[in-house]
Structures are given as C-alpha cells and as structure tokens.
Amino acid sequence: MTRQAREQFIATLAMLLTLAAGGALVGGLSGGLLVPVAAVLVMAFAKGRLVILDFMELRTSRGILRSALLAWPAALLSLALVRALAVTFIG
C-alpha cells in the first residue's frame, strides 16, 4: 500500500466514523421528527457510498455492478423515508 493510498484510506475511515457518530447523535436526539430522520437517511447513504466506492475499490469502475450496488442502498433508504413519511402523516 502506497503512502497516498494509506492516507486516502485513513481519510475515508475518519469520514465513515464521523458520519456514524453524527447519525447516531442526530437519530438519538430527533424525537421522531421528519427532518432529522431524513438527515440520518442521507448520512446512511453517504456511508454506504463510501464503503462501496472505497472499501470495495469500485471508485474507478464504470460497470453495472457499481450502479447496482449504489442503487441498492438508495432503494432501501427511499423505502425507509416513505415509511417515515407515512408514520408522520398517517399517525
């Protein structure tokens, strides 16, 4: 592993840990409100994207696997947002 690759790995790991801690903090203090729940879902997608692109080494790839792996968390998190909207508006 080169020095540049190691520095990029550490930077990505620090970003993941920051997003995880921030998501836990916002989620814990949200009280079920819609905007913080949406913020946590956006942070979850950002974490998934970092894992897929950097730790699975798909950042330079342009294949269908990369698109499918990015679409999977987007679909699941969209369903979670729809559920949160339904709970908020329907009760």
PDB file of N, CA and C in Angstrom:
ATOM      1  N   MET A   1       0.856  -1.174   0.000  1.00  0.00           N
ATOM      2  CA  MET A   1       0.000   0.000   0.000  1.00  0.00           C
ATOM      3  C   MET A   1       0.903   1.238   0.000  1.00  0.00           C
ATOM      4  N   THR A   2       0.644   2.124  -0.929  1.00  0.00           N
ATOM      5  CA  THR A   2       1.451   3.332  -1.023  1.00  0.00           C
ATOM      6  C   THR A   2       1.027   4.332   0.054  1.00  0.00           C
ATOM      7  N   ARG A   3       1.842   5.329   0.221  1.00  0.00           N
ATOM      8  CA  ARG A   3       1.538   6.349   1.228  1.00  0.00           C
ATOM      9  C   ARG A   3       0.245   7.088   0.884  1.00  0.00           C
ATOM     10  N   GLN A   4       0.057   7.402  -0.390  1.00  0.00           N
ATOM     11  CA  GLN A   4      -1.143   8.110  -0.817  1.00  0.00           C
ATOM     12  C   GLN A   4      -2.389   7.251  -0.596  1.00  0.00           C
ATOM     13  N   ALA A   5      -2.296   5.971  -0.892  1.00  0.00           N
ATOM     14  CA  ALA A   5      -3.432   5.065  -0.677  1.00  0.00           C
ATOM     15  C   ALA A   5      -3.742   4.944   0.807  1.00  0.00           C
ATOM     16  N   ARG A   6      -2.714   4.883   1.639  1.00  0.00           N
ATOM     17  CA  ARG A   6      -2.915   4.795   3.085  1.00  0.00           C
ATOM     18  C   ARG A   6      -3.574   6.055   3.627  1.00  0.00           C
ATOM     19  N   GLU A   7      -3.142   7.215   3.151  1.00  0.00           N
ATOM     20  CA  GLU A   7      -3.745   8.478   3.590  1.00  0.00           C
ATOM     21  C   GLU A   7      -5.201   8.583   3.146  1.00  0.00           C
ATOM     22  N   GLN A   8      -5.499   8.129   1.938  1.00  0.00           N
ATOM     23  CA  GLN A   8      -6.879   8.140   1.458  1.00  0.00           C
ATOM     24  C   GLN A   8      -7.732   7.170   2.275  1.00  0.00           C
ATOM     25  N   PHE A   9      -7.186   6.020   2.607  1.00  0.00           N
ATOM     26  CA  PHE A   9      -7.899   5.053   3.434  1.00  0.00           C
ATOM     27  C   PHE A   9      -8.222   5.628   4.814  1.00  0.00           C
ATOM     28  N   ILE A  10      -7.242   6.274   5.425  1.00  0.00           N
ATOM     29  CA  ILE A  10      -7.455   6.860   6.753  1.00  0.00           C
ATOM     30  C   ILE A  10      -8.470   7.995   6.678  1.00  0.00           C
ATOM     31  N   ALA A  11      -8.416   8.799   5.627  1.00  0.00           N
ATOM     32  CA  ALA A  11      -9.384   9.889   5.470  1.00  0.00           C
ATOM     33  C   ALA A  11     -10.796   9.339   5.284  1.00  0.00           C
ATOM     34  N   THR A  12     -10.938   8.292   4.501  1.00  0.00           N
ATOM     35  CA  THR A  12     -12.257   7.683   4.290  1.00  0.00           C
ATOM     36  C   THR A  12     -12.766   7.051   5.578  1.00  0.00           C
ATOM     37  N   LEU A  13     -11.895   6.390   6.297  1.00  0.00           N
ATOM     38  CA  LEU A  13     -12.283   5.788   7.571  1.00  0.00           C
ATOM     39  C   LEU A  13     -12.717   6.856   8.569  1.00  0.00           C
ATOM     40  N   ALA A  14     -12.003   7.971   8.610  1.00  0.00           N
ATOM     41  CA  ALA A  14     -12.389   9.067   9.505  1.00  0.00           C
ATOM     42  C   ALA A  14     -13.746   9.639   9.109  1.00  0.00           C
ATOM     43  N   MET A  15     -14.004   9.761   7.817  1.00  0.00           N
ATOM     44  CA  MET A  15     -15.299  10.250   7.345  1.00  0.00           C
ATOM     45  C   MET A  15     -16.412   9.278   7.737  1.00  0.00           C
ATOM     46  N   LEU A  16     -16.169   7.986   7.590  1.00  0.00           N
ATOM     47  CA  LEU A  16     -17.166   6.989   7.972  1.00  0.00           C
ATOM     48  C   LEU A  16     -17.481   7.046   9.461  1.00  0.00           C
ATOM     49  N   LEU A  17     -16.459   7.163  10.274  1.00  0.00           N
ATOM     50  CA  LEU A  17     -16.670   7.227  11.719  1.00  0.00           C
ATOM     51  C   LEU A  17     -17.399   8.506  12.115  1.00  0.00           C
ATOM     52  N   THR A  18     -17.078   9.607  11.449  1.00  0.00           N
ATOM     53  CA  THR A  18     -17.764  10.868  11.721  1.00  0.00           C
ATOM     54  C   THR A  18     -19.232  10.783  11.331  1.00  0.00           C
ATOM     55  N   LEU A  19     -19.517  10.207  10.169  1.00  0.00           N
ATOM     56  CA  LEU A  19     -20.904  10.046   9.744  1.00  0.00           C
ATOM     57  C   LEU A  19     -21.670   9.105  10.663  1.00  0.00           C
ATOM     58  N   ALA A  20     -21.012   8.052  11.124  1.00  0.00           N
ATOM     59  CA  ALA A  20     -21.680   7.115  12.038  1.00  0.00           C
ATOM     60  C   ALA A  20     -22.002   7.782  13.367  1.00  0.00           C
ATOM     61  N   ALA A  21     -21.038   8.517  13.917  1.00  0.00           N
ATOM     62  CA  ALA A  21     -21.281   9.206  15.189  1.00  0.00           C
ATOM     63  C   ALA A  21     -22.330  10.303  15.028  1.00  0.00           C
ATOM     64  N   GLY A  22     -22.253  11.050  13.936  1.00  0.00           N
ATOM     65  CA  GLY A  22     -23.240  12.100  13.682  1.00  0.00           C
ATOM     66  C   GLY A  22     -24.629  11.540  13.466  1.00  0.00           C
ATOM     67  N   GLY A  23     -24.733  10.441  12.741  1.00  0.00           N
ATOM     68  CA  GLY A  23     -26.022   9.803  12.525  1.00  0.00           C
ATOM     69  C   GLY A  23     -26.626   9.279  13.817  1.00  0.00           C
ATOM     70  N   ALA A  24     -25.784   8.702  14.658  1.00  0.00           N
ATOM     71  CA  ALA A  24     -26.274   8.209  15.951  1.00  0.00           C
ATOM     72  C   ALA A  24     -26.728   9.364  16.833  1.00  0.00           C
ATOM     73  N   LEU A  25     -25.986  10.439  16.830  1.00  0.00           N
ATOM     74  CA  LEU A  25     -26.347  11.599  17.641  1.00  0.00           C
ATOM     75  C   LEU A  25     -27.646  12.235  17.153  1.00  0.00           C
ATOM     76  N   VAL A  26     -27.744  12.463  15.857  1.00  0.00           N
ATOM     77  CA  VAL A  26     -28.958  13.072  15.305  1.00  0.00           C
ATOM     78  C   VAL A  26     -30.147  12.136  15.486  1.00  0.00           C
ATOM     79  N   GLY A  27     -29.951  10.854  15.237  1.00  0.00           N
ATOM     80  CA  GLY A  27     -31.030   9.892  15.408  1.00  0.00           C
ATOM     81  C   GLY A  27     -31.502   9.780  16.841  1.00  0.00           C
ATOM     82  N   GLY A  28     -30.582   9.858  17.764  1.00  0.00           N
ATOM     83  CA  GLY A  28     -30.945   9.773  19.174  1.00  0.00           C
ATOM     84  C   GLY A  28     -31.672  10.996  19.678  1.00  0.00           C
ATOM     85  N   LEU A  29     -31.365  12.145  19.115  1.00  0.00           N
ATOM     86  CA  LEU A  29     -31.976  13.389  19.563  1.00  0.00           C
ATOM     87  C   LEU A  29     -33.138  13.848  18.684  1.00  0.00           C
ATOM     88  N   SER A  30     -33.503  13.059  17.672  1.00  0.00           N
ATOM     89  CA  SER A  30     -34.503  13.512  16.701  1.00  0.00           C
ATOM     90  C   SER A  30     -35.905  13.550  17.267  1.00  0.00           C
ATOM     91  N   GLY A  31     -36.226  12.646  18.147  1.00  0.00           N
ATOM     92  CA  GLY A  31     -37.575  12.604  18.693  1.00  0.00           C
ATOM     93  C   GLY A  31     -38.612  12.195  17.667  1.00  0.00           C
ATOM     94  N   GLY A  32     -38.193  11.523  16.610  1.00  0.00           N
ATOM     95  CA  GLY A  32     -39.118  11.070  15.590  1.00  0.00           C
ATOM     96  C   GLY A  32     -39.546  12.135  14.603  1.00  0.00           C
ATOM     97  N   LEU A  33     -38.916  13.306  14.624  1.00  0.00           N
ATOM     98  CA  LEU A  33     -39.260  14.363  13.668  1.00  0.00           C
ATOM     99  C   LEU A  33     -38.756  13.987  12.277  1.00  0.00           C
ATOM    100  N   LEU A  34     -39.404  14.503  11.267  1.00  0.00           N
ATOM    101  CA  LEU A  34     -39.137  14.083   9.898  1.00  0.00           C
ATOM    102  C   LEU A  34     -37.790  14.572   9.364  1.00  0.00           C
ATOM    103  N   VAL A  35     -37.430  15.806   9.609  1.00  0.00           N
ATOM    104  CA  VAL A  35     -36.188  16.357   9.052  1.00  0.00           C
ATOM    105  C   VAL A  35     -34.950  15.648   9.610  1.00  0.00           C
ATOM    106  N   PRO A  36     -34.843  15.414  10.920  1.00  0.00           N
ATOM    107  CA  PRO A  36     -33.682  14.668  11.394  1.00  0.00           C
ATOM    108  C   PRO A  36     -33.645  13.223  10.886  1.00  0.00           C
ATOM    109  N   VAL A  37     -34.812  12.617  10.733  1.00  0.00           N
ATOM    110  CA  VAL A  37     -34.843  11.257  10.185  1.00  0.00           C
ATOM    111  C   VAL A  37     -34.322  11.265   8.749  1.00  0.00           C
ATOM    112  N   ALA A  38     -34.723  12.248   7.956  1.00  0.00           N
ATOM    113  CA  ALA A  38     -34.225  12.371   6.587  1.00  0.00           C
ATOM    114  C   ALA A  38     -32.714  12.623   6.578  1.00  0.00           C
ATOM    115  N   ALA A  39     -32.227  13.424   7.529  1.00  0.00           N
ATOM    116  CA  ALA A  39     -30.782  13.683   7.611  1.00  0.00           C
ATOM    117  C   ALA A  39     -30.017  12.402   7.936  1.00  0.00           C
ATOM    118  N   VAL A  40     -30.555  11.592   8.825  1.00  0.00           N
ATOM    119  CA  VAL A  40     -29.911  10.315   9.164  1.00  0.00           C
ATOM    120  C   VAL A  40     -29.894   9.393   7.947  1.00  0.00           C
ATOM    121  N   LEU A  41     -30.960   9.388   7.168  1.00  0.00           N
ATOM    122  CA  LEU A  41     -31.001   8.558   5.971  1.00  0.00           C
ATOM    123  C   LEU A  41     -29.996   9.028   4.926  1.00  0.00           C
ATOM    124  N   VAL A  42     -29.823  10.326   4.795  1.00  0.00           N
ATOM    125  CA  VAL A  42     -28.818  10.849   3.866  1.00  0.00           C
ATOM    126  C   VAL A  42     -27.416  10.467   4.334  1.00  0.00           C
ATOM    127  N   MET A  43     -27.177  10.550   5.644  1.00  0.00           N
ATOM    128  CA  MET A  43     -25.877  10.131   6.182  1.00  0.00           C
ATOM    129  C   MET A  43     -25.650   8.641   5.962  1.00  0.00           C
ATOM    130  N   ALA A  44     -26.698   7.848   6.087  1.00  0.00           N
ATOM    131  CA  ALA A  44     -26.576   6.405   5.857  1.00  0.00           C
ATOM    132  C   ALA A  44     -26.216   6.119   4.399  1.00  0.00           C
ATOM    133  N   PHE A  45     -26.822   6.860   3.475  1.00  0.00           N
ATOM    134  CA  PHE A  45     -26.467   6.671   2.068  1.00  0.00           C
ATOM    135  C   PHE A  45     -25.017   7.084   1.818  1.00  0.00           C
ATOM    136  N   ALA A  46     -24.594   8.168   2.422  1.00  0.00           N
ATOM    137  CA  ALA A  46     -23.201   8.615   2.244  1.00  0.00           C
ATOM    138  C   ALA A  46     -22.226   7.560   2.759  1.00  0.00           C
ATOM    139  N   LYS A  47     -22.548   6.940   3.896  1.00  0.00           N
ATOM    140  CA  LYS A  47     -21.685   5.881   4.426  1.00  0.00           C
ATOM    141  C   LYS A  47     -21.661   4.688   3.486  1.00  0.00           C
ATOM    142  N   GLY A  48     -22.823   4.291   2.991  1.00  0.00           N
ATOM    143  CA  GLY A  48     -22.875   3.168   2.056  1.00  0.00           C
ATOM    144  C   GLY A  48     -22.102   3.450   0.788  1.00  0.00           C
ATOM    145  N   ARG A  49     -22.206   4.678   0.300  1.00  0.00           N
ATOM    146  CA  ARG A  49     -21.484   5.067  -0.908  1.00  0.00           C
ATOM    147  C   ARG A  49     -19.977   5.007  -0.687  1.00  0.00           C
ATOM    148  N   LEU A  50     -19.528   5.482   0.463  1.00  0.00           N
ATOM    149  CA  LEU A  50     -18.095   5.419   0.763  1.00  0.00           C
ATOM    150  C   LEU A  50     -17.608   3.978   0.844  1.00  0.00           C
ATOM    151  N   VAL A  51     -18.375   3.129   1.472  1.00  0.00           N
ATOM    152  CA  VAL A  51     -17.982   1.719   1.584  1.00  0.00           C
ATOM    153  C   VAL A  51     -17.928   1.077   0.205  1.00  0.00           C
ATOM    154  N   ILE A  52     -18.945   1.321  -0.604  1.00  0.00           N
ATOM    155  CA  ILE A  52     -18.988   0.708  -1.936  1.00  0.00           C
ATOM    156  C   ILE A  52     -17.853   1.218  -2.811  1.00  0.00           C
ATOM    157  N   LEU A  53     -17.634   2.513  -2.816  1.00  0.00           N
ATOM    158  CA  LEU A  53     -16.634   3.067  -3.724  1.00  0.00           C
ATOM    159  C   LEU A  53     -15.203   2.857  -3.253  1.00  0.00           C
ATOM    160  N   ASP A  54     -14.953   3.036  -1.963  1.00  0.00           N
ATOM    161  CA  ASP A  54     -13.571   2.986  -1.488  1.00  0.00           C
ATOM    162  C   ASP A  54     -13.155   1.619  -0.961  1.00  0.00           C
ATOM    163  N   PHE A  55     -13.940   1.030  -0.083  1.00  0.00           N
ATOM    164  CA  PHE A  55     -13.518  -0.218   0.528  1.00  0.00           C
ATOM    165  C   PHE A  55     -13.737  -1.416  -0.389  1.00  0.00           C
ATOM    166  N   MET A  56     -14.670  -1.310  -1.321  1.00  0.00           N
ATOM    167  CA  MET A  56     -14.853  -2.367  -2.318  1.00  0.00           C
ATOM    168  C   MET A  56     -14.083  -2.053  -3.596  1.00  0.00           C
ATOM    169  N   GLU A  57     -13.360  -0.929  -3.586  1.00  0.00           N
ATOM    170  CA  GLU A  57     -12.489  -0.492  -4.681  1.00  0.00           C
ATOM    171  C   GLU A  57     -13.231  -0.384  -6.007  1.00  0.00           C
ATOM    172  N   LEU A  58     -14.396   0.232  -5.979  1.00  0.00           N
ATOM    173  CA  LEU A  58     -15.177   0.422  -7.192  1.00  0.00           C
ATOM    174  C   LEU A  58     -15.208   1.878  -7.639  1.00  0.00           C
ATOM    175  N   ARG A  59     -14.347   2.718  -7.081  1.00  0.00           N
ATOM    176  CA  ARG A  59     -14.362   4.138  -7.428  1.00  0.00           C
ATOM    177  C   ARG A  59     -14.015   4.363  -8.900  1.00  0.00           C
ATOM    178  N   THR A  60     -13.092   3.614  -9.436  1.00  0.00           N
ATOM    179  CA  THR A  60     -12.689   3.802 -10.828  1.00  0.00           C
ATOM    180  C   THR A  60     -13.472   2.909 -11.781  1.00  0.00           C
ATOM    181  N   SER A  61     -14.295   2.033 -11.255  1.00  0.00           N
ATOM    182  CA  SER A  61     -15.072   1.122 -12.090  1.00  0.00           C
ATOM    183  C   SER A  61     -16.275   1.843 -12.684  1.00  0.00           C
ATOM    184  N   ARG A  62     -16.671   1.451 -13.873  1.00  0.00           N
ATOM    185  CA  ARG A  62     -17.837   2.032 -14.530  1.00  0.00           C
ATOM    186  C   ARG A  62     -18.845   0.950 -14.924  1.00  0.00           C
ATOM    187  N   GLY A  63     -18.762  -0.214 -14.310  1.00  0.00           N
ATOM    188  CA  GLY A  63     -19.611  -1.329 -14.687  1.00  0.00           C
ATOM    189  C   GLY A  63     -20.989  -1.296 -14.048  1.00  0.00           C
ATOM    190  N   ILE A  64     -21.760  -2.310 -14.391  1.00  0.00           N
ATOM    191  CA  ILE A  64     -23.122  -2.425 -13.891  1.00  0.00           C
ATOM    192  C   ILE A  64     -23.134  -2.765 -12.402  1.00  0.00           C
ATOM    193  N   LEU A  65     -22.096  -3.449 -11.919  1.00  0.00           N
ATOM    194  CA  LEU A  65     -22.032  -3.808 -10.507  1.00  0.00           C
ATOM    195  C   LEU A  65     -22.001  -2.564  -9.631  1.00  0.00           C
ATOM    196  N   ARG A  66     -21.225  -1.582 -10.023  1.00  0.00           N
ATOM    197  CA  ARG A  66     -21.153  -0.335  -9.257  1.00  0.00           C
ATOM    198  C   ARG A  66     -22.516   0.345  -9.195  1.00  0.00           C
ATOM    199  N   SER A  67     -23.181   0.428 -10.328  1.00  0.00           N
ATOM    200  CA  SER A  67     -24.503   1.053 -10.364  1.00  0.00           C
ATOM    201  C   SER A  67     -25.508   0.281  -9.516  1.00  0.00           C
ATOM    202  N   ALA A  68     -25.472  -1.024  -9.613  1.00  0.00           N
ATOM    203  CA  ALA A  68     -26.407  -1.852  -8.843  1.00  0.00           C
ATOM    204  C   ALA A  68     -26.140  -1.736  -7.346  1.00  0.00           C
ATOM    205  N   LEU A  69     -24.873  -1.721  -6.973  1.00  0.00           N
ATOM    206  CA  LEU A  69     -24.544  -1.614  -5.549  1.00  0.00           C
ATOM    207  C   LEU A  69     -24.889  -0.238  -4.987  1.00  0.00           C
ATOM    208  N   LEU A  70     -24.837   0.801  -5.794  1.00  0.00           N
ATOM    209  CA  LEU A  70     -25.244   2.134  -5.337  1.00  0.00           C
ATOM    210  C   LEU A  70     -26.766   2.281  -5.322  1.00  0.00           C
ATOM    211  N   ALA A  71     -27.443   1.578  -6.220  1.00  0.00           N
ATOM    212  CA  ALA A  71     -28.907   1.659  -6.274  1.00  0.00           C
ATOM    213  C   ALA A  71     -29.553   0.912  -5.106  1.00  0.00           C
ATOM    214  N   TRP A  72     -28.918  -0.140  -4.618  1.00  0.00           N
ATOM    215  CA  TRP A  72     -29.493  -0.937  -3.540  1.00  0.00           C
ATOM    216  C   TRP A  72     -29.715  -0.123  -2.263  1.00  0.00           C
ATOM    217  N   PRO A  73     -28.706   0.553  -1.696  1.00  0.00           N
ATOM    218  CA  PRO A  73     -28.992   1.353  -0.501  1.00  0.00           C
ATOM    219  C   PRO A  73     -29.916   2.534  -0.794  1.00  0.00           C
ATOM    220  N   ALA A  74     -29.848   3.077  -2.009  1.00  0.00           N
ATOM    221  CA  ALA A  74     -30.750   4.180  -2.355  1.00  0.00           C
ATOM    222  C   ALA A  74     -32.200   3.707  -2.322  1.00  0.00           C
ATOM    223  N   ALA A  75     -32.456   2.516  -2.836  1.00  0.00           N
ATOM    224  CA  ALA A  75     -33.820   1.975  -2.822  1.00  0.00           C
ATOM    225  C   ALA A  75     -34.285   1.686  -1.398  1.00  0.00           C
ATOM    226  N   LEU A  76     -33.433   1.066  -0.608  1.00  0.00           N
ATOM    227  CA  LEU A  76     -33.815   0.745   0.775  1.00  0.00           C
ATOM    228  C   LEU A  76     -34.039   2.007   1.603  1.00  0.00           C
ATOM    229  N   LEU A  77     -33.191   2.994   1.435  1.00  0.00           N
ATOM    230  CA  LEU A  77     -33.339   4.227   2.202  1.00  0.00           C
ATOM    231  C   LEU A  77     -34.532   5.043   1.713  1.00  0.00           C
ATOM    232  N   SER A  78     -34.867   4.931   0.431  1.00  0.00           N
ATOM    233  CA  SER A  78     -36.085   5.581  -0.061  1.00  0.00           C
ATOM    234  C   SER A  78     -37.320   4.954   0.573  1.00  0.00           C
ATOM    235  N   LEU A  79     -37.313   3.629   0.691  1.00  0.00           N
ATOM    236  CA  LEU A  79     -38.426   2.956   1.371  1.00  0.00           C
ATOM    237  C   LEU A  79     -38.507   3.369   2.834  1.00  0.00           C
ATOM    238  N   ALA A  80     -37.369   3.532   3.479  1.00  0.00           N
ATOM    239  CA  ALA A  80     -37.370   3.979   4.879  1.00  0.00           C
ATOM    240  C   ALA A  80     -37.925   5.397   4.988  1.00  0.00           C
ATOM    241  N   LEU A  81     -37.611   6.247   4.022  1.00  0.00           N
ATOM    242  CA  LEU A  81     -38.146   7.607   4.028  1.00  0.00           C
ATOM    243  C   LEU A  81     -39.657   7.601   3.799  1.00  0.00           C
ATOM    244  N   VAL A  82     -40.126   6.755   2.888  1.00  0.00           N
ATOM    245  CA  VAL A  82     -41.569   6.639   2.657  1.00  0.00           C
ATOM    246  C   VAL A  82     -42.267   6.166   3.922  1.00  0.00           C
ATOM    247  N   ARG A  83     -41.658   5.227   4.619  1.00  0.00           N
ATOM    248  CA  ARG A  83     -42.233   4.751   5.882  1.00  0.00           C
ATOM    249  C   ARG A  83     -42.294   5.873   6.911  1.00  0.00           C
ATOM    250  N   ALA A  84     -41.212   6.647   7.014  1.00  0.00           N
ATOM    251  CA  ALA A  84     -41.204   7.766   7.968  1.00  0.00           C
ATOM    252  C   ALA A  84     -42.243   8.806   7.598  1.00  0.00           C
ATOM    253  N   LEU A  85     -42.418   9.066   6.311  1.00  0.00           N
ATOM    254  CA  LEU A  85     -43.454   9.998   5.875  1.00  0.00           C
ATOM    255  C   LEU A  85     -44.857   9.477   6.224  1.00  0.00           C
ATOM    256  N   ALA A  86     -45.056   8.183   5.996  1.00  0.00           N
ATOM    257  CA  ALA A  86     -46.363   7.589   6.291  1.00  0.00           C
ATOM    258  C   ALA A  86     -46.663   7.658   7.790  1.00  0.00           C
ATOM    259  N   VAL A  87     -45.670   7.366   8.600  1.00  0.00           N
ATOM    260  CA  VAL A  87     -45.875   7.415  10.057  1.00  0.00           C
ATOM    261  C   VAL A  87     -46.147   8.844  10.499  1.00  0.00           C
ATOM    262  N   THR A  88     -45.464   9.801   9.898  1.00  0.00           N
ATOM    263  CA  THR A  88     -45.654  11.203  10.279  1.00  0.00           C
ATOM    264  C   THR A  88     -47.036  11.715   9.898  1.00  0.00           C
ATOM    265  N   PHE A  89     -47.460  11.417   8.675  1.00  0.00           N
ATOM    266  CA  PHE A  89     -48.706  11.989   8.193  1.00  0.00           C
ATOM    267  C   PHE A  89     -49.949  11.164   8.536  1.00  0.00           C
ATOM    268  N   ILE A  90     -49.791   9.854   8.615  1.00  0.00           N
ATOM    269  CA  ILE A  90     -50.948   8.997   8.921  1.00  0.00           C
ATOM    270  C   ILE A  90     -51.078   8.794  10.424  1.00  0.00           C
ATOM    271  N   GLY A  91     -49.954   8.688  11.085  1.00  0.00           N
ATOM    272  CA  GLY A  91     -50.007   8.573  12.530  1.00  0.00           C
ATOM    273  C   GLY A  91     -49.686   7.231  12.948  1.00  0.00           C
TER     274      GLY A  91
END
